[in-house]
Amino acid sequence: MPRLTPLGSPLLLGFDDIERFLDRAGNSSGDGYPPYNIERFEAEDEAGEQLRITLAVAGFKVEQLTITLEHNQLSIRGEQSEEQTGDYLHKGIAARQFARTFVLADGIKVINADLKNGLLSIALHRPLAKHQVVRIKISDLG
């Protein structure tokens, strides 16, 4: 028996990739760490809009963070090691690892990433979609 999905209508053709992206997004880490913001604003020079993902990664150094983009999936990972450098009376700040994943729509480009004051910001650009109307020629075979 075929699996019923939101995009399983016979009138929706070629949306298999979108279903896979939705599955990936649903399976991403849900523990809420690190907290993040996503901002949207108009692009200054180009048509479209700018997006910025900002993650609160206090305590992480640049060399402990990795950002990768593969098949429209933006992954941010942070790895810290537990260092025993002092004699703690109380240790409430733990070294922690994280992985946060965002699925990007086709056409979104990663512009840059920077780390400042414990905030990792990733700038993205989404161009305006071009509206096209294409007339299809009908061949007379009869």
N, C-alpha and C. Protein backbone atom coordinates (compact mmCIF):
# COMPACT_ATOMS: atom_id res chain seq x y z
N MET A 1 0.85 -1.18 0.00
CA MET A 1 0.00 0.00 0.00
C MET A 1 0.90 1.24 0.00
N PRO A 2 0.68 2.17 -0.93
CA PRO A 2 1.55 3.34 -0.99
C PRO A 2 1.35 4.25 0.22
N ARG A 3 2.44 4.92 0.58
CA ARG A 3 2.43 5.83 1.71
C ARG A 3 1.74 7.13 1.31
N LEU A 4 0.80 7.61 2.12
CA LEU A 4 0.13 8.88 1.84
C LEU A 4 0.98 10.02 2.39
N THR A 5 1.27 10.98 1.55
CA THR A 5 2.08 12.13 1.95
C THR A 5 1.36 13.40 1.51
N PRO A 6 1.73 14.52 2.11
CA PRO A 6 1.08 15.78 1.72
C PRO A 6 1.27 16.12 0.24
N LEU A 7 2.39 15.69 -0.34
CA LEU A 7 2.67 16.00 -1.74
C LEU A 7 2.43 14.79 -2.63
N GLY A 8 1.61 13.83 -2.17
CA GLY A 8 1.38 12.59 -2.89
C GLY A 8 0.27 12.66 -3.92
N SER A 9 -0.30 13.82 -4.15
CA SER A 9 -1.37 13.96 -5.13
C SER A 9 -0.83 13.67 -6.53
N PRO A 10 -1.62 12.99 -7.37
CA PRO A 10 -1.17 12.74 -8.75
C PRO A 10 -1.06 14.03 -9.57
N LEU A 11 -1.60 15.13 -9.08
CA LEU A 11 -1.50 16.40 -9.79
C LEU A 11 -0.20 17.14 -9.46
N LEU A 12 0.54 16.68 -8.46
CA LEU A 12 1.81 17.29 -8.09
C LEU A 12 2.93 16.38 -8.57
N LEU A 13 3.57 16.75 -9.66
CA LEU A 13 4.61 15.92 -10.27
C LEU A 13 5.99 16.49 -9.98
N GLY A 14 6.92 15.62 -9.61
CA GLY A 14 8.31 16.03 -9.43
C GLY A 14 8.62 16.67 -8.10
N PHE A 15 7.81 16.45 -7.07
CA PHE A 15 8.04 17.05 -5.77
C PHE A 15 8.71 16.08 -4.79
N ASP A 16 9.32 15.02 -5.31
CA ASP A 16 9.97 14.03 -4.45
C ASP A 16 11.08 14.67 -3.61
N ASP A 17 11.87 15.57 -4.21
CA ASP A 17 12.95 16.23 -3.48
C ASP A 17 12.41 17.04 -2.30
N ILE A 18 11.29 17.70 -2.51
CA ILE A 18 10.71 18.51 -1.43
C ILE A 18 10.30 17.61 -0.27
N GLU A 19 9.73 16.46 -0.57
CA GLU A 19 9.35 15.52 0.50
C GLU A 19 10.58 15.06 1.28
N ARG A 20 11.67 14.78 0.56
CA ARG A 20 12.91 14.38 1.26
C ARG A 20 13.42 15.51 2.14
N PHE A 21 13.36 16.75 1.64
CA PHE A 21 13.80 17.90 2.44
C PHE A 21 12.95 18.04 3.69
N LEU A 22 11.63 17.86 3.55
CA LEU A 22 10.75 17.95 4.71
C LEU A 22 11.05 16.86 5.73
N ASP A 23 11.34 15.66 5.24
CA ASP A 23 11.72 14.58 6.16
C ASP A 23 13.01 14.92 6.90
N ARG A 24 14.00 15.45 6.16
CA ARG A 24 15.27 15.84 6.79
C ARG A 24 15.07 16.93 7.83
N ALA A 25 14.27 17.93 7.50
CA ALA A 25 14.03 19.02 8.44
C ALA A 25 13.32 18.52 9.69
N GLY A 26 12.40 17.59 9.52
CA GLY A 26 11.68 17.03 10.67
C GLY A 26 12.55 16.17 11.56
N ASN A 27 13.62 15.60 10.99
CA ASN A 27 14.50 14.74 11.77
C ASN A 27 15.68 15.48 12.38
N SER A 28 15.78 16.78 12.18
CA SER A 28 16.91 17.52 12.72
C SER A 28 16.80 17.64 14.23
N SER A 29 17.90 17.99 14.84
CA SER A 29 17.99 18.05 16.30
C SER A 29 16.92 18.98 16.87
N GLY A 30 16.20 18.50 17.86
CA GLY A 30 15.13 19.29 18.44
C GLY A 30 15.38 19.70 19.86
N ASP A 31 16.64 19.66 20.32
CA ASP A 31 16.90 19.98 21.73
C ASP A 31 16.98 21.48 21.99
N GLY A 32 16.96 22.31 20.96
CA GLY A 32 16.94 23.75 21.15
C GLY A 32 18.30 24.38 21.39
N TYR A 33 19.38 23.61 21.35
CA TYR A 33 20.70 24.18 21.56
C TYR A 33 21.51 24.06 20.29
N PRO A 34 22.16 25.10 19.88
CA PRO A 34 22.14 26.44 20.44
C PRO A 34 20.92 27.22 19.94
N PRO A 35 20.49 28.20 20.72
CA PRO A 35 19.37 29.03 20.24
C PRO A 35 19.81 29.83 19.01
N TYR A 36 18.83 30.17 18.17
CA TYR A 36 19.16 30.88 16.93
C TYR A 36 18.04 31.83 16.55
N ASN A 37 18.40 32.79 15.71
CA ASN A 37 17.45 33.72 15.08
C ASN A 37 17.60 33.60 13.57
N ILE A 38 16.51 33.87 12.86
CA ILE A 38 16.57 33.99 11.40
C ILE A 38 15.93 35.33 11.05
N GLU A 39 16.71 36.18 10.39
CA GLU A 39 16.22 37.51 10.01
C GLU A 39 16.09 37.59 8.49
N ARG A 40 15.16 38.40 8.04
CA ARG A 40 14.96 38.65 6.61
C ARG A 40 14.94 40.14 6.39
N PHE A 41 15.65 40.60 5.35
CA PHE A 41 15.62 42.01 4.98
C PHE A 41 15.95 42.15 3.50
N GLU A 42 15.60 43.28 2.92
CA GLU A 42 15.82 43.47 1.48
C GLU A 42 17.30 43.56 1.17
N ALA A 43 17.67 43.00 0.03
CA ALA A 43 19.06 43.07 -0.43
C ALA A 43 19.37 44.50 -0.85
N GLU A 44 20.59 44.93 -0.58
CA GLU A 44 20.97 46.31 -0.89
C GLU A 44 21.23 46.53 -2.38
N ASP A 45 22.07 45.70 -2.97
CA ASP A 45 22.49 45.92 -4.35
C ASP A 45 21.71 45.08 -5.35
N GLU A 46 21.32 43.88 -4.95
CA GLU A 46 20.74 42.92 -5.88
C GLU A 46 19.24 42.78 -5.64
N ALA A 47 18.58 42.24 -6.65
CA ALA A 47 17.16 41.93 -6.49
C ALA A 47 17.04 40.71 -5.58
N GLY A 48 15.99 40.67 -4.82
CA GLY A 48 15.77 39.54 -3.91
C GLY A 48 15.82 40.01 -2.48
N GLU A 49 16.20 39.09 -1.62
CA GLU A 49 16.28 39.44 -0.20
C GLU A 49 17.47 38.77 0.44
N GLN A 50 17.91 39.34 1.55
CA GLN A 50 18.98 38.78 2.36
C GLN A 50 18.36 38.06 3.54
N LEU A 51 18.97 36.98 3.94
CA LEU A 51 18.59 36.25 5.14
C LEU A 51 19.83 36.15 6.01
N ARG A 52 19.63 36.14 7.31
CA ARG A 52 20.76 35.95 8.22
C ARG A 52 20.35 35.00 9.33
N ILE A 53 21.11 33.93 9.48
CA ILE A 53 20.93 32.99 10.57
C ILE A 53 21.98 33.34 11.62
N THR A 54 21.56 33.57 12.86
CA THR A 54 22.47 33.88 13.94
C THR A 54 22.30 32.86 15.04
N LEU A 55 23.40 32.20 15.40
CA LEU A 55 23.39 31.20 16.47
C LEU A 55 24.19 31.72 17.66
N ALA A 56 23.68 31.50 18.88
CA ALA A 56 24.38 31.88 20.11
C ALA A 56 25.35 30.75 20.46
N VAL A 57 26.64 30.97 20.21
CA VAL A 57 27.65 29.93 20.42
C VAL A 57 28.74 30.43 21.37
N ALA A 58 28.33 31.05 22.47
CA ALA A 58 29.29 31.57 23.44
C ALA A 58 30.22 30.46 23.91
N GLY A 59 31.50 30.76 23.99
CA GLY A 59 32.49 29.80 24.45
C GLY A 59 33.15 29.01 23.34
N PHE A 60 32.63 29.09 22.12
CA PHE A 60 33.24 28.38 20.99
C PHE A 60 34.20 29.30 20.27
N LYS A 61 35.33 28.74 19.85
CA LYS A 61 36.30 29.45 19.02
C LYS A 61 36.02 29.10 17.56
N VAL A 62 36.54 29.89 16.63
CA VAL A 62 36.33 29.66 15.21
C VAL A 62 36.75 28.25 14.82
N GLU A 63 37.88 27.79 15.34
CA GLU A 63 38.38 26.47 14.95
C GLU A 63 37.55 25.32 15.52
N GLN A 64 36.61 25.61 16.42
CA GLN A 64 35.73 24.58 16.98
C GLN A 64 34.39 24.52 16.26
N LEU A 65 34.20 25.38 15.27
CA LEU A 65 32.94 25.44 14.52
C LEU A 65 33.17 25.03 13.07
N THR A 66 32.21 24.32 12.51
CA THR A 66 32.27 23.89 11.12
C THR A 66 30.92 24.16 10.47
N ILE A 67 30.96 24.77 9.28
CA ILE A 67 29.75 25.02 8.49
C ILE A 67 29.93 24.33 7.15
N THR A 68 28.97 23.49 6.78
CA THR A 68 29.02 22.81 5.48
C THR A 68 27.68 22.98 4.77
N LEU A 69 27.74 22.95 3.45
CA LEU A 69 26.55 23.01 2.61
C LEU A 69 26.63 21.85 1.63
N GLU A 70 25.65 20.94 1.73
CA GLU A 70 25.63 19.78 0.85
C GLU A 70 24.18 19.47 0.49
N HIS A 71 23.89 19.43 -0.81
CA HIS A 71 22.55 19.14 -1.30
C HIS A 71 21.50 20.03 -0.64
N ASN A 72 21.74 21.32 -0.63
CA ASN A 72 20.83 22.33 -0.06
C ASN A 72 20.62 22.18 1.44
N GLN A 73 21.49 21.44 2.11
CA GLN A 73 21.38 21.28 3.56
C GLN A 73 22.57 21.99 4.20
N LEU A 74 22.28 23.05 4.96
CA LEU A 74 23.29 23.82 5.66
C LEU A 74 23.45 23.24 7.06
N SER A 75 24.65 22.75 7.37
CA SER A 75 24.91 22.14 8.67
C SER A 75 25.94 22.94 9.44
N ILE A 76 25.65 23.23 10.69
CA ILE A 76 26.57 23.93 11.57
C ILE A 76 26.86 23.00 12.73
N ARG A 77 28.15 22.76 12.97
CA ARG A 77 28.55 21.87 14.07
C ARG A 77 29.54 22.59 14.97
N GLY A 78 29.44 22.32 16.25
CA GLY A 78 30.37 22.85 17.21
C GLY A 78 30.89 21.72 18.09
N GLU A 79 32.20 21.69 18.28
CA GLU A 79 32.80 20.64 19.11
C GLU A 79 33.76 21.28 20.10
N GLN A 80 33.50 21.06 21.37
CA GLN A 80 34.38 21.50 22.44
C GLN A 80 34.83 20.28 23.22
N SER A 81 36.01 20.35 23.76
CA SER A 81 36.49 19.25 24.61
C SER A 81 36.48 19.73 26.06
N GLU A 82 36.24 18.82 26.95
CA GLU A 82 36.20 19.10 28.39
C GLU A 82 37.64 19.27 28.88
N GLU A 83 38.00 20.45 29.31
CA GLU A 83 39.36 20.71 29.80
C GLU A 83 39.34 20.87 31.31
N GLN A 84 40.17 20.15 31.99
CA GLN A 84 40.31 20.26 33.44
C GLN A 84 41.50 21.15 33.74
N THR A 85 41.29 22.46 33.75
CA THR A 85 42.40 23.38 33.95
C THR A 85 42.37 24.04 35.33
N GLY A 86 41.30 23.88 36.07
CA GLY A 86 41.23 24.56 37.36
C GLY A 86 40.61 23.68 38.42
N ASP A 87 40.65 24.18 39.65
CA ASP A 87 40.03 23.50 40.78
C ASP A 87 38.71 24.21 41.04
N TYR A 88 37.62 23.65 40.49
CA TYR A 88 36.32 24.30 40.52
C TYR A 88 35.61 24.07 41.86
N LEU A 89 35.03 25.12 42.39
CA LEU A 89 34.11 24.99 43.52
C LEU A 89 32.72 24.67 42.99
N HIS A 90 32.42 25.21 41.82
CA HIS A 90 31.16 24.90 41.13
C HIS A 90 31.44 25.00 39.64
N LYS A 91 31.00 24.01 38.89
CA LYS A 91 31.18 24.03 37.43
C LYS A 91 29.82 23.90 36.78
N GLY A 92 29.26 25.03 36.36
CA GLY A 92 27.94 25.06 35.74
C GLY A 92 27.98 25.23 34.24
N ILE A 93 29.15 25.52 33.67
CA ILE A 93 29.30 25.69 32.24
C ILE A 93 30.00 24.46 31.70
N ALA A 94 29.26 23.64 30.99
CA ALA A 94 29.82 22.39 30.46
C ALA A 94 30.26 22.58 29.02
N ALA A 95 31.33 21.88 28.65
CA ALA A 95 31.71 21.84 27.24
C ALA A 95 30.65 21.01 26.54
N ARG A 96 30.21 21.48 25.41
CA ARG A 96 29.07 20.85 24.76
C ARG A 96 29.28 20.80 23.26
N GLN A 97 28.77 19.78 22.65
CA GLN A 97 28.79 19.67 21.20
C GLN A 97 27.38 19.92 20.67
N PHE A 98 27.30 20.38 19.42
CA PHE A 98 25.97 20.57 18.84
C PHE A 98 26.04 20.38 17.33
N ALA A 99 24.89 20.13 16.77
CA ALA A 99 24.71 20.09 15.32
C ALA A 99 23.35 20.70 15.02
N ARG A 100 23.32 21.69 14.17
CA ARG A 100 22.07 22.36 13.79
C ARG A 100 22.02 22.33 12.26
N THR A 101 20.88 21.95 11.71
CA THR A 101 20.73 21.81 10.26
C THR A 101 19.56 22.63 9.75
N PHE A 102 19.78 23.30 8.61
CA PHE A 102 18.75 24.07 7.94
C PHE A 102 18.69 23.59 6.49
N VAL A 103 17.49 23.38 5.97
CA VAL A 103 17.31 23.00 4.57
C VAL A 103 17.01 24.27 3.79
N LEU A 104 17.84 24.54 2.79
CA LEU A 104 17.71 25.77 1.99
C LEU A 104 16.99 25.48 0.68
N ALA A 105 16.18 26.41 0.25
CA ALA A 105 15.49 26.30 -1.03
C ALA A 105 16.50 26.44 -2.17
N ASP A 106 16.14 25.92 -3.33
CA ASP A 106 17.00 26.08 -4.51
C ASP A 106 17.23 27.56 -4.77
N GLY A 107 18.45 27.91 -5.13
CA GLY A 107 18.78 29.29 -5.47
C GLY A 107 19.34 30.09 -4.33
N ILE A 108 19.15 29.67 -3.09
CA ILE A 108 19.69 30.42 -1.95
C ILE A 108 21.20 30.20 -1.90
N LYS A 109 21.94 31.27 -1.82
CA LYS A 109 23.40 31.24 -1.78
C LYS A 109 23.90 31.68 -0.40
N VAL A 110 24.93 30.98 0.09
CA VAL A 110 25.58 31.39 1.33
C VAL A 110 26.60 32.45 0.96
N ILE A 111 26.49 33.64 1.56
CA ILE A 111 27.38 34.76 1.25
C ILE A 111 28.64 34.69 2.10
N ASN A 112 28.47 34.64 3.43
CA ASN A 112 29.61 34.57 4.34
C ASN A 112 29.15 34.16 5.73
N ALA A 113 30.12 33.96 6.60
CA ALA A 113 29.84 33.63 8.00
C ALA A 113 30.89 34.34 8.85
N ASP A 114 30.46 34.83 10.01
CA ASP A 114 31.43 35.44 10.93
C ASP A 114 31.03 35.17 12.37
N LEU A 115 32.02 35.21 13.24
CA LEU A 115 31.84 34.97 14.66
C LEU A 115 32.26 36.23 15.41
N LYS A 116 31.33 36.81 16.17
CA LYS A 116 31.63 38.04 16.91
C LYS A 116 30.82 38.04 18.20
N ASN A 117 31.49 38.25 19.31
CA ASN A 117 30.85 38.34 20.63
C ASN A 117 29.97 37.13 20.95
N GLY A 118 30.43 35.93 20.56
CA GLY A 118 29.69 34.72 20.87
C GLY A 118 28.51 34.44 19.96
N LEU A 119 28.36 35.22 18.89
CA LEU A 119 27.28 35.02 17.94
C LEU A 119 27.85 34.65 16.58
N LEU A 120 27.43 33.52 16.05
CA LEU A 120 27.83 33.08 14.72
C LEU A 120 26.73 33.51 13.75
N SER A 121 27.09 34.36 12.79
CA SER A 121 26.12 34.86 11.81
C SER A 121 26.47 34.33 10.43
N ILE A 122 25.45 33.82 9.75
CA ILE A 122 25.60 33.29 8.39
C ILE A 122 24.68 34.08 7.49
N ALA A 123 25.26 34.78 6.51
CA ALA A 123 24.48 35.61 5.59
C ALA A 123 24.14 34.80 4.35
N LEU A 124 22.88 34.90 3.94
CA LEU A 124 22.36 34.19 2.77
C LEU A 124 21.70 35.17 1.82
N HIS A 125 21.66 34.82 0.54
CA HIS A 125 20.95 35.65 -0.44
C HIS A 125 19.95 34.78 -1.18
N ARG A 126 18.70 35.25 -1.24
CA ARG A 126 17.66 34.57 -2.01
C ARG A 126 17.26 35.51 -3.15
N PRO A 127 17.59 35.13 -4.41
CA PRO A 127 17.23 36.00 -5.54
C PRO A 127 15.73 35.96 -5.80
N LEU A 128 15.25 36.99 -6.47
CA LEU A 128 13.84 37.02 -6.87
C LEU A 128 13.58 35.92 -7.89
N ALA A 129 12.47 35.26 -7.74
CA ALA A 129 12.08 34.24 -8.72
C ALA A 129 11.63 34.95 -9.99
N LYS A 130 12.07 34.43 -11.12
CA LYS A 130 11.69 35.01 -12.40
C LYS A 130 10.39 34.39 -12.87
N HIS A 131 9.44 35.23 -13.21
CA HIS A 131 8.14 34.76 -13.69
C HIS A 131 8.26 34.49 -15.18
N GLN A 132 7.94 33.27 -15.58
CA GLN A 132 8.02 32.91 -16.99
C GLN A 132 6.71 32.28 -17.44
N VAL A 133 6.34 32.62 -18.65
CA VAL A 133 5.22 31.96 -19.31
C VAL A 133 5.79 31.39 -20.60
N VAL A 134 5.67 30.07 -20.77
CA VAL A 134 6.21 29.42 -21.95
C VAL A 134 5.05 28.79 -22.72
N ARG A 135 4.99 29.09 -23.99
CA ARG A 135 3.95 28.49 -24.83
C ARG A 135 4.49 27.19 -25.40
N ILE A 136 3.72 26.13 -25.26
CA ILE A 136 4.12 24.80 -25.73
C ILE A 136 3.46 24.54 -27.10
N LYS A 137 4.30 24.19 -28.07
CA LYS A 137 3.80 23.91 -29.41
C LYS A 137 3.18 22.51 -29.42
N ILE A 138 2.03 22.40 -30.07
CA ILE A 138 1.33 21.13 -30.19
C ILE A 138 1.58 20.58 -31.59
N SER A 139 2.10 19.37 -31.65
CA SER A 139 2.33 18.73 -32.95
C SER A 139 1.07 18.02 -33.40
N ASP A 140 0.74 18.15 -34.69
CA ASP A 140 -0.43 17.48 -35.26
C ASP A 140 0.04 16.16 -35.85
N LEU A 141 -0.26 15.06 -35.17
CA LEU A 141 0.17 13.74 -35.62
C LEU A 141 -0.92 12.99 -36.38
N GLY A 142 -2.04 13.59 -36.61
CA GLY A 142 -3.14 12.86 -37.24
C GLY A 142 -3.55 13.45 -38.48
